[in-house]
Amino acid sequence: MNSMEKINQFRDDRNWRQFHNEKDLALSISLEASELLELFQWKTAAEGTKDIERVKEELADVLIYSYMMADNLNLDIDDIIEQKLIKNAEKYPVKKIK
């Protein structure tokens, strides 16, 4: 079973699909990203990563909601990342940076 199937099974076992529309998933991504950011507030990067378990948990929450949104919209995560990297490479070419 891949990650998306595990996420969907977890959601479906709890009958949470009804709450996971695109708007609420976008809100949840933002909220979980804020919880991740809070781990670093007023700290150095080293201090923020001291509790790596909390970092992993919050990052996983961001990713889970992101995967769910992509799944809702029938988007292939690898494909949309590849497309974005191509756009970024055009916007920020290596020879312009160096």
PDB file of N, CA and C in Angstrom:
ATOM      1  N   MET A   1       0.855  -1.182   0.000  1.00  0.00           N
ATOM      2  CA  MET A   1       0.000   0.000   0.000  1.00  0.00           C
ATOM      3  C   MET A   1       0.897   1.240   0.000  1.00  0.00           C
ATOM      4  N   ASN A   2       0.660   2.166  -0.942  1.00  0.00           N
ATOM      5  CA  ASN A   2       1.476   3.378  -0.996  1.00  0.00           C
ATOM      6  C   ASN A   2       0.957   4.427   0.001  1.00  0.00           C
ATOM      7  N   SER A   3       1.694   5.511   0.121  1.00  0.00           N
ATOM      8  CA  SER A   3       1.344   6.549   1.102  1.00  0.00           C
ATOM      9  C   SER A   3      -0.054   7.104   0.889  1.00  0.00           C
ATOM     10  N   MET A   4      -0.418   7.365  -0.361  1.00  0.00           N
ATOM     11  CA  MET A   4      -1.736   7.938  -0.628  1.00  0.00           C
ATOM     12  C   MET A   4      -2.840   6.973  -0.212  1.00  0.00           C
ATOM     13  N   GLU A   5      -2.646   5.708  -0.486  1.00  0.00           N
ATOM     14  CA  GLU A   5      -3.643   4.707  -0.085  1.00  0.00           C
ATOM     15  C   GLU A   5      -3.758   4.625   1.431  1.00  0.00           C
ATOM     16  N   LYS A   6      -2.634   4.715   2.129  1.00  0.00           N
ATOM     17  CA  LYS A   6      -2.656   4.692   3.596  1.00  0.00           C
ATOM     18  C   LYS A   6      -3.367   5.926   4.159  1.00  0.00           C
ATOM     19  N   ILE A   7      -3.094   7.071   3.572  1.00  0.00           N
ATOM     20  CA  ILE A   7      -3.748   8.311   4.011  1.00  0.00           C
ATOM     21  C   ILE A   7      -5.253   8.203   3.801  1.00  0.00           C
ATOM     22  N   ASN A   8      -5.659   7.764   2.619  1.00  0.00           N
ATOM     23  CA  ASN A   8      -7.088   7.645   2.322  1.00  0.00           C
ATOM     24  C   ASN A   8      -7.768   6.615   3.215  1.00  0.00           C
ATOM     25  N   GLN A   9      -7.098   5.516   3.490  1.00  0.00           N
ATOM     26  CA  GLN A   9      -7.691   4.506   4.365  1.00  0.00           C
ATOM     27  C   GLN A   9      -7.876   5.066   5.773  1.00  0.00           C
ATOM     28  N   PHE A  10      -6.867   5.762   6.280  1.00  0.00           N
ATOM     29  CA  PHE A  10      -6.970   6.384   7.600  1.00  0.00           C
ATOM     30  C   PHE A  10      -8.170   7.324   7.640  1.00  0.00           C
ATOM     31  N   ARG A  11      -8.276   8.172   6.607  1.00  0.00           N
ATOM     32  CA  ARG A  11      -9.387   9.124   6.507  1.00  0.00           C
ATOM     33  C   ARG A  11     -10.724   8.403   6.409  1.00  0.00           C
ATOM     34  N   ASP A  12     -10.802   7.430   5.533  1.00  0.00           N
ATOM     35  CA  ASP A  12     -12.077   6.743   5.287  1.00  0.00           C
ATOM     36  C   ASP A  12     -12.517   5.901   6.470  1.00  0.00           C
ATOM     37  N   ASP A  13     -11.574   5.302   7.196  1.00  0.00           N
ATOM     38  CA  ASP A  13     -11.922   4.524   8.388  1.00  0.00           C
ATOM     39  C   ASP A  13     -12.608   5.388   9.438  1.00  0.00           C
ATOM     40  N   ARG A  14     -12.355   6.680   9.389  1.00  0.00           N
ATOM     41  CA  ARG A  14     -12.924   7.611  10.366  1.00  0.00           C
ATOM     42  C   ARG A  14     -14.069   8.444   9.794  1.00  0.00           C
ATOM     43  N   ASN A  15     -14.407   8.192   8.540  1.00  0.00           N
ATOM     44  CA  ASN A  15     -15.478   8.927   7.852  1.00  0.00           C
ATOM     45  C   ASN A  15     -15.204  10.430   7.830  1.00  0.00           C
ATOM     46  N   TRP A  16     -13.948  10.798   7.577  1.00  0.00           N
ATOM     47  CA  TRP A  16     -13.562  12.205   7.548  1.00  0.00           C
ATOM     48  C   TRP A  16     -13.580  12.809   6.152  1.00  0.00           C
ATOM     49  N   ARG A  17     -13.845  12.007   5.122  1.00  0.00           N
ATOM     50  CA  ARG A  17     -13.815  12.521   3.740  1.00  0.00           C
ATOM     51  C   ARG A  17     -14.695  13.752   3.596  1.00  0.00           C
ATOM     52  N   GLN A  18     -15.826  13.753   4.284  1.00  0.00           N
ATOM     53  CA  GLN A  18     -16.783  14.854   4.193  1.00  0.00           C
ATOM     54  C   GLN A  18     -16.179  16.200   4.613  1.00  0.00           C
ATOM     55  N   PHE A  19     -15.119  16.175   5.392  1.00  0.00           N
ATOM     56  CA  PHE A  19     -14.503  17.402   5.881  1.00  0.00           C
ATOM     57  C   PHE A  19     -13.294  17.828   5.057  1.00  0.00           C
ATOM     58  N   HIS A  20     -12.923  17.003   4.087  1.00  0.00           N
ATOM     59  CA  HIS A  20     -11.674  17.238   3.376  1.00  0.00           C
ATOM     60  C   HIS A  20     -11.883  17.771   1.968  1.00  0.00           C
ATOM     61  N   ASN A  21     -12.606  18.883   1.898  1.00  0.00           N
ATOM     62  CA  ASN A  21     -12.746  19.585   0.612  1.00  0.00           C
ATOM     63  C   ASN A  21     -11.503  20.455   0.408  1.00  0.00           C
ATOM     64  N   GLU A  22     -11.357  20.971  -0.795  1.00  0.00           N
ATOM     65  CA  GLU A  22     -10.136  21.701  -1.142  1.00  0.00           C
ATOM     66  C   GLU A  22      -9.918  22.936  -0.260  1.00  0.00           C
ATOM     67  N   LYS A  23     -10.973  23.654   0.053  1.00  0.00           N
ATOM     68  CA  LYS A  23     -10.831  24.847   0.901  1.00  0.00           C
ATOM     69  C   LYS A  23     -10.316  24.468   2.282  1.00  0.00           C
ATOM     70  N   ASP A  24     -10.919  23.461   2.885  1.00  0.00           N
ATOM     71  CA  ASP A  24     -10.510  23.072   4.226  1.00  0.00           C
ATOM     72  C   ASP A  24      -9.122  22.430   4.237  1.00  0.00           C
ATOM     73  N   LEU A  25      -8.778  21.737   3.170  1.00  0.00           N
ATOM     74  CA  LEU A  25      -7.425  21.183   3.080  1.00  0.00           C
ATOM     75  C   LEU A  25      -6.397  22.301   2.942  1.00  0.00           C
ATOM     76  N   ALA A  26      -6.704  23.329   2.140  1.00  0.00           N
ATOM     77  CA  ALA A  26      -5.789  24.470   2.007  1.00  0.00           C
ATOM     78  C   ALA A  26      -5.607  25.164   3.356  1.00  0.00           C
ATOM     79  N   LEU A  27      -6.693  25.335   4.089  1.00  0.00           N
ATOM     80  CA  LEU A  27      -6.599  25.932   5.431  1.00  0.00           C
ATOM     81  C   LEU A  27      -5.736  25.064   6.345  1.00  0.00           C
ATOM     82  N   SER A  28      -5.945  23.759   6.283  1.00  0.00           N
ATOM     83  CA  SER A  28      -5.185  22.849   7.140  1.00  0.00           C
ATOM     84  C   SER A  28      -3.700  22.857   6.796  1.00  0.00           C
ATOM     85  N   ILE A  29      -3.373  22.943   5.511  1.00  0.00           N
ATOM     86  CA  ILE A  29      -1.972  23.038   5.107  1.00  0.00           C
ATOM     87  C   ILE A  29      -1.339  24.276   5.738  1.00  0.00           C
ATOM     88  N   SER A  30      -2.036  25.385   5.653  1.00  0.00           N
ATOM     89  CA  SER A  30      -1.522  26.634   6.212  1.00  0.00           C
ATOM     90  C   SER A  30      -1.377  26.550   7.728  1.00  0.00           C
ATOM     91  N   LEU A  31      -2.368  26.001   8.393  1.00  0.00           N
ATOM     92  CA  LEU A  31      -2.309  25.887   9.853  1.00  0.00           C
ATOM     93  C   LEU A  31      -1.173  24.973  10.299  1.00  0.00           C
ATOM     94  N   GLU A  32      -1.016  23.845   9.626  1.00  0.00           N
ATOM     95  CA  GLU A  32       0.062  22.927   9.995  1.00  0.00           C
ATOM     96  C   GLU A  32       1.424  23.523   9.674  1.00  0.00           C
ATOM     97  N   ALA A  33       1.520  24.270   8.577  1.00  0.00           N
ATOM     98  CA  ALA A  33       2.774  24.954   8.250  1.00  0.00           C
ATOM     99  C   ALA A  33       3.108  25.977   9.335  1.00  0.00           C
ATOM    100  N   SER A  34       2.092  26.631   9.874  1.00  0.00           N
ATOM    101  CA  SER A  34       2.312  27.585  10.969  1.00  0.00           C
ATOM    102  C   SER A  34       2.800  26.874  12.220  1.00  0.00           C
ATOM    103  N   GLU A  35       2.278  25.676  12.484  1.00  0.00           N
ATOM    104  CA  GLU A  35       2.759  24.910  13.630  1.00  0.00           C
ATOM    105  C   GLU A  35       4.223  24.505  13.438  1.00  0.00           C
ATOM    106  N   LEU A  36       4.587  24.171  12.227  1.00  0.00           N
ATOM    107  CA  LEU A  36       5.989  23.872  11.914  1.00  0.00           C
ATOM    108  C   LEU A  36       6.846  25.123  12.123  1.00  0.00           C
ATOM    109  N   LEU A  37       6.384  26.236  11.628  1.00  0.00           N
ATOM    110  CA  LEU A  37       7.111  27.495  11.769  1.00  0.00           C
ATOM    111  C   LEU A  37       7.272  27.891  13.232  1.00  0.00           C
ATOM    112  N   GLU A  38       6.265  27.604  14.031  1.00  0.00           N
ATOM    113  CA  GLU A  38       6.321  27.961  15.446  1.00  0.00           C
ATOM    114  C   GLU A  38       7.488  27.272  16.168  1.00  0.00           C
ATOM    115  N   LEU A  39       7.877  26.103  15.690  1.00  0.00           N
ATOM    116  CA  LEU A  39       9.003  25.400  16.304  1.00  0.00           C
ATOM    117  C   LEU A  39      10.306  26.175  16.159  1.00  0.00           C
ATOM    118  N   PHE A  40      10.356  27.074  15.189  1.00  0.00           N
ATOM    119  CA  PHE A  40      11.568  27.846  14.905  1.00  0.00           C
ATOM    120  C   PHE A  40      11.479  29.298  15.372  1.00  0.00           C
ATOM    121  N   GLN A  41      10.304  29.705  15.833  1.00  0.00           N
ATOM    122  CA  GLN A  41      10.117  31.102  16.230  1.00  0.00           C
ATOM    123  C   GLN A  41      11.074  31.472  17.365  1.00  0.00           C
ATOM    124  N   TRP A  42      11.798  32.555  17.164  1.00  0.00           N
ATOM    125  CA  TRP A  42      12.740  33.116  18.127  1.00  0.00           C
ATOM    126  C   TRP A  42      13.907  32.179  18.421  1.00  0.00           C
ATOM    127  N   LYS A  43      14.211  31.278  17.493  1.00  0.00           N
ATOM    128  CA  LYS A  43      15.303  30.331  17.692  1.00  0.00           C
ATOM    129  C   LYS A  43      16.213  30.324  16.480  1.00  0.00           C
ATOM    130  N   THR A  44      17.398  29.804  16.673  1.00  0.00           N
ATOM    131  CA  THR A  44      18.264  29.559  15.523  1.00  0.00           C
ATOM    132  C   THR A  44      17.763  28.289  14.825  1.00  0.00           C
ATOM    133  N   ALA A  45      18.277  28.045  13.641  1.00  0.00           N
ATOM    134  CA  ALA A  45      17.904  26.819  12.932  1.00  0.00           C
ATOM    135  C   ALA A  45      18.276  25.592  13.758  1.00  0.00           C
ATOM    136  N   ALA A  46      19.437  25.623  14.379  1.00  0.00           N
ATOM    137  CA  ALA A  46      19.880  24.492  15.202  1.00  0.00           C
ATOM    138  C   ALA A  46      18.949  24.264  16.388  1.00  0.00           C
ATOM    139  N   GLU A  47      18.547  25.353  17.036  1.00  0.00           N
ATOM    140  CA  GLU A  47      17.632  25.230  18.173  1.00  0.00           C
ATOM    141  C   GLU A  47      16.271  24.702  17.723  1.00  0.00           C
ATOM    142  N   GLY A  48      15.827  25.143  16.557  1.00  0.00           N
ATOM    143  CA  GLY A  48      14.525  24.726  16.042  1.00  0.00           C
ATOM    144  C   GLY A  48      14.458  23.258  15.685  1.00  0.00           C
ATOM    145  N   THR A  49      15.592  22.687  15.352  1.00  0.00           N
ATOM    146  CA  THR A  49      15.601  21.270  14.971  1.00  0.00           C
ATOM    147  C   THR A  49      16.043  20.355  16.110  1.00  0.00           C
ATOM    148  N   LYS A  50      16.220  20.908  17.295  1.00  0.00           N
ATOM    149  CA  LYS A  50      16.604  20.075  18.445  1.00  0.00           C
ATOM    150  C   LYS A  50      15.570  18.980  18.704  1.00  0.00           C
ATOM    151  N   ASP A  51      14.305  19.351  18.660  1.00  0.00           N
ATOM    152  CA  ASP A  51      13.236  18.361  18.847  1.00  0.00           C
ATOM    153  C   ASP A  51      12.809  17.881  17.465  1.00  0.00           C
ATOM    154  N   ILE A  52      13.627  17.038  16.865  1.00  0.00           N
ATOM    155  CA  ILE A  52      13.397  16.590  15.494  1.00  0.00           C
ATOM    156  C   ILE A  52      12.096  15.795  15.369  1.00  0.00           C
ATOM    157  N   GLU A  53      11.664  15.166  16.445  1.00  0.00           N
ATOM    158  CA  GLU A  53      10.393  14.421  16.386  1.00  0.00           C
ATOM    159  C   GLU A  53       9.220  15.361  16.137  1.00  0.00           C
ATOM    160  N   ARG A  54       9.213  16.509  16.794  1.00  0.00           N
ATOM    161  CA  ARG A  54       8.148  17.499  16.564  1.00  0.00           C
ATOM    162  C   ARG A  54       8.219  18.042  15.146  1.00  0.00           C
ATOM    163  N   VAL A  55       9.422  18.300  14.658  1.00  0.00           N
ATOM    164  CA  VAL A  55       9.606  18.774  13.288  1.00  0.00           C
ATOM    165  C   VAL A  55       9.034  17.742  12.321  1.00  0.00           C
ATOM    166  N   LYS A  56       9.375  16.479  12.531  1.00  0.00           N
ATOM    167  CA  LYS A  56       8.878  15.409  11.662  1.00  0.00           C
ATOM    168  C   LYS A  56       7.351  15.328  11.688  1.00  0.00           C
ATOM    169  N   GLU A  57       6.763  15.457  12.866  1.00  0.00           N
ATOM    170  CA  GLU A  57       5.307  15.380  12.996  1.00  0.00           C
ATOM    171  C   GLU A  57       4.617  16.517  12.251  1.00  0.00           C
ATOM    172  N   GLU A  58       5.104  17.731  12.448  1.00  0.00           N
ATOM    173  CA  GLU A  58       4.461  18.877  11.793  1.00  0.00           C
ATOM    174  C   GLU A  58       4.674  18.847  10.285  1.00  0.00           C
ATOM    175  N   LEU A  59       5.866  18.470   9.869  1.00  0.00           N
ATOM    176  CA  LEU A  59       6.140  18.351   8.437  1.00  0.00           C
ATOM    177  C   LEU A  59       5.261  17.267   7.817  1.00  0.00           C
ATOM    178  N   ALA A  60       5.093  16.155   8.517  1.00  0.00           N
ATOM    179  CA  ALA A  60       4.216  15.084   8.026  1.00  0.00           C
ATOM    180  C   ALA A  60       2.780  15.587   7.877  1.00  0.00           C
ATOM    181  N   ASP A  61       2.302  16.381   8.829  1.00  0.00           N
ATOM    182  CA  ASP A  61       0.945  16.930   8.724  1.00  0.00           C
ATOM    183  C   ASP A  61       0.796  17.786   7.472  1.00  0.00           C
ATOM    184  N   VAL A  62       1.778  18.648   7.214  1.00  0.00           N
ATOM    185  CA  VAL A  62       1.745  19.491   6.014  1.00  0.00           C
ATOM    186  C   VAL A  62       1.692  18.607   4.761  1.00  0.00           C
ATOM    187  N   LEU A  63       2.532  17.596   4.736  1.00  0.00           N
ATOM    188  CA  LEU A  63       2.591  16.713   3.570  1.00  0.00           C
ATOM    189  C   LEU A  63       1.318  15.892   3.403  1.00  0.00           C
ATOM    190  N   ILE A  64       0.772  15.382   4.491  1.00  0.00           N
ATOM    191  CA  ILE A  64      -0.462  14.594   4.411  1.00  0.00           C
ATOM    192  C   ILE A  64      -1.588  15.423   3.820  1.00  0.00           C
ATOM    193  N   TYR A  65      -1.793  16.635   4.334  1.00  0.00           N
ATOM    194  CA  TYR A  65      -2.853  17.484   3.787  1.00  0.00           C
ATOM    195  C   TYR A  65      -2.570  17.863   2.341  1.00  0.00           C
ATOM    196  N   SER A  66      -1.300  18.058   2.007  1.00  0.00           N
ATOM    197  CA  SER A  66      -0.937  18.379   0.620  1.00  0.00           C
ATOM    198  C   SER A  66      -1.238  17.197  -0.302  1.00  0.00           C
ATOM    199  N   TYR A  67      -0.893  16.012   0.132  1.00  0.00           N
ATOM    200  CA  TYR A  67      -1.205  14.811  -0.650  1.00  0.00           C
ATOM    201  C   TYR A  67      -2.713  14.668  -0.841  1.00  0.00           C
ATOM    202  N   MET A  68      -3.460  14.930   0.218  1.00  0.00           N
ATOM    203  CA  MET A  68      -4.922  14.803   0.138  1.00  0.00           C
ATOM    204  C   MET A  68      -5.504  15.803  -0.857  1.00  0.00           C
ATOM    205  N   MET A  69      -4.989  17.017  -0.847  1.00  0.00           N
ATOM    206  CA  MET A  69      -5.481  18.018  -1.792  1.00  0.00           C
ATOM    207  C   MET A  69      -5.159  17.608  -3.222  1.00  0.00           C
ATOM    208  N   ALA A  70      -3.942  17.161  -3.442  1.00  0.00           N
ATOM    209  CA  ALA A  70      -3.553  16.706  -4.780  1.00  0.00           C
ATOM    210  C   ALA A  70      -4.446  15.551  -5.230  1.00  0.00           C
ATOM    211  N   ASP A  71      -4.719  14.630  -4.334  1.00  0.00           N
ATOM    212  CA  ASP A  71      -5.573  13.492  -4.657  1.00  0.00           C
ATOM    213  C   ASP A  71      -6.989  13.948  -5.001  1.00  0.00           C
ATOM    214  N   ASN A  72      -7.519  14.871  -4.222  1.00  0.00           N
ATOM    215  CA  ASN A  72      -8.862  15.409  -4.504  1.00  0.00           C
ATOM    216  C   ASN A  72      -8.943  16.003  -5.907  1.00  0.00           C
ATOM    217  N   LEU A  73      -7.873  16.651  -6.321  1.00  0.00           N
ATOM    218  CA  LEU A  73      -7.855  17.351  -7.607  1.00  0.00           C
ATOM    219  C   LEU A  73      -7.295  16.485  -8.737  1.00  0.00           C
ATOM    220  N   ASN A  74      -7.060  15.199  -8.438  1.00  0.00           N
ATOM    221  CA  ASN A  74      -6.510  14.264  -9.421  1.00  0.00           C
ATOM    222  C   ASN A  74      -5.186  14.755 -10.001  1.00  0.00           C
ATOM    223  N   LEU A  75      -4.347  15.309  -9.140  1.00  0.00           N
ATOM    224  CA  LEU A  75      -3.044  15.798  -9.556  1.00  0.00           C
ATOM    225  C   LEU A  75      -1.979  14.789  -9.179  1.00  0.00           C
ATOM    226  N   ASP A  76      -1.050  14.562 -10.075  1.00  0.00           N
ATOM    227  CA  ASP A  76       0.083  13.686  -9.812  1.00  0.00           C
ATOM    228  C   ASP A  76       1.175  14.532  -9.166  1.00  0.00           C
ATOM    229  N   ILE A  77       1.525  14.211  -7.941  1.00  0.00           N
ATOM    230  CA  ILE A  77       2.478  15.019  -7.185  1.00  0.00           C
ATOM    231  C   ILE A  77       3.827  15.111  -7.884  1.00  0.00           C
ATOM    232  N   ASP A  78       4.343  13.988  -8.369  1.00  0.00           N
ATOM    233  CA  ASP A  78       5.626  14.018  -9.073  1.00  0.00           C
ATOM    234  C   ASP A  78       5.557  14.907 -10.304  1.00  0.00           C
ATOM    235  N   ASP A  79       4.436  14.856 -11.006  1.00  0.00           N
ATOM    236  CA  ASP A  79       4.266  15.662 -12.218  1.00  0.00           C
ATOM    237  C   ASP A  79       4.214  17.155 -11.901  1.00  0.00           C
ATOM    238  N   ILE A  80       3.441  17.537 -10.892  1.00  0.00           N
ATOM    239  CA  ILE A  80       3.330  18.970 -10.600  1.00  0.00           C
ATOM    240  C   ILE A  80       4.640  19.527 -10.047  1.00  0.00           C
ATOM    241  N   ILE A  81       5.392  18.693  -9.323  1.00  0.00           N
ATOM    242  CA  ILE A  81       6.707  19.134  -8.852  1.00  0.00           C
ATOM    243  C   ILE A  81       7.652  19.299 -10.032  1.00  0.00           C
ATOM    244  N   GLU A  82       7.644  18.343 -10.952  1.00  0.00           N
ATOM    245  CA  GLU A  82       8.495  18.425 -12.144  1.00  0.00           C
ATOM    246  C   GLU A  82       8.171  19.687 -12.951  1.00  0.00           C
ATOM    247  N   GLN A  83       6.874  19.961 -13.136  1.00  0.00           N
ATOM    248  CA  GLN A  83       6.467  21.166 -13.875  1.00  0.00           C
ATOM    249  C   GLN A  83       6.950  22.433 -13.179  1.00  0.00           C
ATOM    250  N   LYS A  84       6.861  22.466 -11.868  1.00  0.00           N
ATOM    251  CA  LYS A  84       7.292  23.643 -11.117  1.00  0.00           C
ATOM    252  C   LYS A  84       8.805  23.810 -11.180  1.00  0.00           C
ATOM    253  N   LEU A  85       9.548  22.705 -11.123  1.00  0.00           N
ATOM    254  CA  LEU A  85      11.004  22.794 -11.240  1.00  0.00           C
ATOM    255  C   LEU A  85      11.420  23.332 -12.605  1.00  0.00           C
ATOM    256  N   ILE A  86      10.697  22.955 -13.639  1.00  0.00           N
ATOM    257  CA  ILE A  86      10.981  23.475 -14.983  1.00  0.00           C
ATOM    258  C   ILE A  86      10.751  24.983 -15.010  1.00  0.00           C
ATOM    259  N   LYS A  87       9.619  25.420 -14.450  1.00  0.00           N
ATOM    260  CA  LYS A  87       9.334  26.866 -14.393  1.00  0.00           C
ATOM    261  C   LYS A  87      10.393  27.609 -13.582  1.00  0.00           C
ATOM    262  N   ASN A  88      10.788  27.020 -12.462  1.00  0.00           N
ATOM    263  CA  ASN A  88      11.808  27.657 -11.616  1.00  0.00           C
ATOM    264  C   ASN A  88      13.149  27.747 -12.340  1.00  0.00           C
ATOM    265  N   ALA A  89      13.492  26.707 -13.107  1.00  0.00           N
ATOM    266  CA  ALA A  89      14.749  26.711 -13.856  1.00  0.00           C
ATOM    267  C   ALA A  89      14.747  27.811 -14.913  1.00  0.00           C
ATOM    268  N   GLU A  90      13.591  28.056 -15.518  1.00  0.00           N
ATOM    269  CA  GLU A  90      13.480  29.137 -16.506  1.00  0.00           C
ATOM    270  C   GLU A  90      13.568  30.498 -15.823  1.00  0.00           C
ATOM    271  N   LYS A  91      12.941  30.607 -14.667  1.00  0.00           N
ATOM    272  CA  LYS A  91      12.910  31.872 -13.939  1.00  0.00           C
ATOM    273  C   LYS A  91      14.257  32.196 -13.294  1.00  0.00           C
ATOM    274  N   TYR A  92      14.958  31.162 -12.847  1.00  0.00           N
ATOM    275  CA  TYR A  92      16.237  31.327 -12.156  1.00  0.00           C
ATOM    276  C   TYR A  92      17.309  30.460 -12.830  1.00  0.00           C
ATOM    277  N   PRO A  93      17.730  30.825 -14.039  1.00  0.00           N
ATOM    278  CA  PRO A  93      18.744  30.012 -14.710  1.00  0.00           C
ATOM    279  C   PRO A  93      20.082  30.068 -13.972  1.00  0.00           C
ATOM    280  N   VAL A  94      20.784  28.941 -13.987  1.00  0.00           N
ATOM    281  CA  VAL A  94      22.047  28.813 -13.257  1.00  0.00           C
ATOM    282  C   VAL A  94      23.039  29.905 -13.679  1.00  0.00           C
ATOM    283  N   LYS A  95      23.162  30.145 -14.987  1.00  0.00           N
ATOM    284  CA  LYS A  95      24.149  31.125 -15.442  1.00  0.00           C
ATOM    285  C   LYS A  95      23.824  32.542 -14.964  1.00  0.00           C
ATOM    286  N   LYS A  96      22.554  32.821 -14.680  1.00  0.00           N
ATOM    287  CA  LYS A  96      22.171  34.140 -14.179  1.00  0.00           C
ATOM    288  C   LYS A  96      22.501  34.268 -12.688  1.00  0.00           C
ATOM    289  N   ILE A  97      22.469  33.163 -11.983  1.00  0.00           N
ATOM    290  CA  ILE A  97      22.719  33.165 -10.548  1.00  0.00           C
ATOM    291  C   ILE A  97      24.206  33.253 -10.231  1.00  0.00           C
ATOM    292  N   LYS A  98      25.027  32.540 -11.014  1.00  0.00           N
ATOM    293  CA  LYS A  98      26.476  32.477 -10.736  1.00  0.00           C
ATOM    294  C   LYS A  98      27.216  33.628 -11.295  1.00  0.00           C
TER     295      LYS A  98
END
